[in-house]
Structures are given as C-alpha cells and as structure tokens.
Amino acid sequence: MKRLNLILICIAGTIFLSFLSYLVIQYFQRPDYSLEVDAMREDQSLFVNSRIILTNAGKQPVTHVVVYYGIKNETIQTINPGEKISLSPPEGSNLNFVRIIADNGINITTGYRTPIKMPGMMGS
C-alpha cells in the first residue's frame, strides 16, 4: 500500500512539474508587443450587429492604438498585457475590414468574420 501511494505521488508530481514547465515556456515565448484582433459582423434581418475585440497578447503594454473603421477612426492610449477591449464601430463604418496601427510596429488589417447561422437562433 505504501508503494502504491509513493507511485501515485510521483505521478502527480511529474504532472504538476510538466504543467508548470509548460506555463513558464509559454510565458517566455510570448513577444513583448502583440495585439490580437477579433472583428465580428452579424447580419440581422433589420440591422447589422458588429464588434471588435482587441486583446493585448504580449508582455508589455501596447500604446497609441488607432483603429481605422474606414471613414472614422478611434484612438486608445494604452492596452495593458492580458487586457481585452470591446469596441463598436460607429454608424457608416466600412464593415468589410478594419485596420489597427499601434506603437512598436503593430500594423494589422483584418476582415470581419461572420458567425455560423444556427436554426432557431436570432437572425437565422
């Protein structure tokens, strides 16, 4: 019985150390400055619902973020590491693509994705 307990403790310790090593490696492989953009557009029967979520995936704050919607733009001074910001494009914006420029060489242009229509869901 004592041998079985010792084996289980060793297995649990190995799993814990493996997970801890994975987290450390993931942290050090992250770039200093990185911004993830999720632009979504959902066409309803009477209106279009759109949003943009910006996530700082880097280790350092991303500064002077400018979001170009087409005709209009919006400026965010700082997005801290791990922080998510949800934006709503203003009326009359180009809902085909969005461009984001920030300090430290961040320049992202991405198209809006549309969710899959499910039967029984709003807008399907």
Protein backbone atom coordinates (compact mmCIF):
# COMPACT_ATOMS: atom_id res chain seq x y z
CA MET A 1 0.00 0.00 0.00
CA LYS A 2 2.85 2.40 0.82
CA ARG A 3 4.48 1.63 -2.52
CA LEU A 4 1.25 2.44 -4.38
CA ASN A 5 0.97 5.79 -2.55
CA LEU A 6 4.57 6.59 -3.42
CA ILE A 7 3.95 5.81 -7.09
CA LEU A 8 0.82 7.99 -7.16
CA ILE A 9 2.68 10.88 -5.51
CA CYS A 10 5.48 10.58 -8.10
CA ILE A 11 2.98 10.58 -10.97
CA ALA A 12 1.14 13.62 -9.54
CA GLY A 13 4.45 15.45 -9.03
CA THR A 14 5.53 14.71 -12.59
CA ILE A 15 2.24 16.01 -13.99
CA PHE A 16 2.48 19.15 -11.86
CA LEU A 17 6.09 19.87 -12.89
CA SER A 18 5.24 19.27 -16.56
CA PHE A 19 2.33 21.72 -16.39
CA LEU A 20 4.46 24.31 -14.56
CA SER A 21 7.22 23.95 -17.17
CA TYR A 22 4.67 24.41 -19.96
CA LEU A 23 3.41 27.67 -18.39
CA VAL A 24 6.94 29.04 -17.96
CA ILE A 25 7.88 28.20 -21.54
CA GLN A 26 4.67 29.80 -22.87
CA TYR A 27 5.37 32.99 -20.91
CA PHE A 28 8.93 33.39 -22.18
CA GLN A 29 7.96 32.64 -25.78
CA ARG A 30 5.35 35.42 -25.83
CA PRO A 31 6.51 38.51 -27.73
CA ASP A 32 6.86 41.81 -25.91
CA TYR A 33 4.29 43.55 -28.12
CA SER A 34 1.38 41.64 -29.63
CA LEU A 35 -2.23 42.53 -30.33
CA GLU A 36 -5.00 40.08 -31.22
CA VAL A 37 -7.99 41.38 -33.20
CA ASP A 38 -11.40 39.68 -33.39
CA ALA A 39 -13.71 41.60 -35.73
CA MET A 40 -17.20 40.14 -35.99
CA ARG A 41 -20.13 41.13 -38.17
CA GLU A 42 -23.57 39.57 -37.79
CA ASP A 43 -26.22 40.47 -40.37
CA GLN A 44 -29.71 40.51 -38.89
CA SER A 45 -32.92 41.00 -40.86
CA LEU A 46 -33.31 44.65 -39.75
CA PHE A 47 -29.80 45.70 -38.73
CA VAL A 48 -26.13 44.69 -38.66
CA ASN A 49 -24.51 43.89 -35.32
CA SER A 50 -20.74 44.36 -35.30
CA ARG A 51 -17.98 44.47 -32.70
CA ILE A 52 -14.21 44.41 -32.46
CA ILE A 53 -12.33 42.88 -29.53
CA LEU A 54 -8.71 43.90 -29.05
CA THR A 55 -6.57 41.73 -26.73
CA ASN A 56 -3.03 42.53 -25.68
CA ALA A 57 -1.32 39.12 -26.01
CA GLY A 58 2.17 40.49 -25.32
CA LYS A 59 4.21 41.03 -22.17
CA GLN A 60 4.32 44.84 -22.43
CA PRO A 61 1.56 47.50 -22.71
CA VAL A 62 0.58 48.42 -26.27
CA THR A 63 0.38 52.20 -26.65
CA HIS A 64 -1.24 54.66 -29.05
CA VAL A 65 -3.63 52.18 -30.68
CA VAL A 66 -5.53 53.69 -33.62
CA VAL A 67 -8.49 51.74 -35.03
CA TYR A 68 -9.43 52.77 -38.59
CA TYR A 69 -13.04 51.90 -39.44
CA GLY A 70 -12.88 53.36 -42.93
CA ILE A 71 -14.20 56.91 -42.76
CA LYS A 72 -13.78 57.31 -38.99
CA ASN A 73 -11.13 56.23 -36.50
CA GLU A 74 -10.77 55.76 -32.74
CA THR A 75 -7.68 56.09 -30.54
CA ILE A 76 -6.92 54.09 -27.40
CA GLN A 77 -3.94 55.31 -25.39
CA THR A 78 -2.90 52.05 -23.66
CA ILE A 79 -3.92 48.40 -23.56
CA ASN A 80 -2.21 46.53 -20.72
CA PRO A 81 -0.98 42.91 -21.01
CA GLY A 82 -3.93 40.49 -20.89
CA GLU A 83 -6.49 43.29 -21.16
CA LYS A 84 -9.43 42.97 -23.58
CA ILE A 85 -11.25 45.95 -25.03
CA SER A 86 -14.56 45.68 -26.87
CA LEU A 87 -15.35 48.33 -29.49
CA SER A 88 -18.44 49.06 -31.55
CA PRO A 89 -17.79 50.52 -35.00
CA PRO A 90 -19.62 53.84 -35.48
CA GLU A 91 -22.54 54.22 -37.88
CA GLY A 92 -21.46 54.30 -41.51
CA SER A 93 -18.25 52.32 -40.95
CA ASN A 94 -16.82 50.01 -43.57
CA LEU A 95 -17.76 46.55 -42.28
CA ASN A 96 -15.57 44.65 -44.73
CA PHE A 97 -12.27 45.17 -42.93
CA VAL A 98 -10.68 47.08 -40.04
CA ARG A 99 -7.11 48.35 -39.70
CA ILE A 100 -5.26 48.74 -36.39
CA ILE A 101 -1.97 50.59 -36.03
CA ALA A 102 -0.06 50.97 -32.76
CA ASP A 103 3.40 51.81 -31.48
CA ASN A 104 6.20 49.22 -31.68
CA GLY A 105 5.44 48.21 -35.27
CA ILE A 106 1.94 46.84 -34.84
CA ASN A 107 0.01 47.14 -38.11
CA ILE A 108 -2.93 44.75 -38.55
CA THR A 109 -5.59 44.70 -41.27
CA THR A 110 -8.26 42.03 -40.91
CA GLY A 111 -11.67 41.25 -42.32
CA TYR A 112 -14.81 40.83 -40.28
CA ARG A 113 -15.82 37.25 -39.62
CA THR A 114 -19.46 36.17 -39.63
CA PRO A 115 -20.78 33.55 -37.22
CA ILE A 116 -22.46 30.41 -38.48
CA LYS A 117 -26.26 30.69 -38.56
CA MET A 118 -27.90 28.10 -36.34
CA PRO A 119 -31.56 27.12 -36.70
CA GLY A 120 -33.68 28.76 -34.02
CA MET A 121 -31.10 31.45 -33.25
CA MET A 122 -31.76 35.17 -33.72
CA GLY A 123 -31.13 36.29 -37.32
CA SER A 124 -31.19 32.82 -38.88
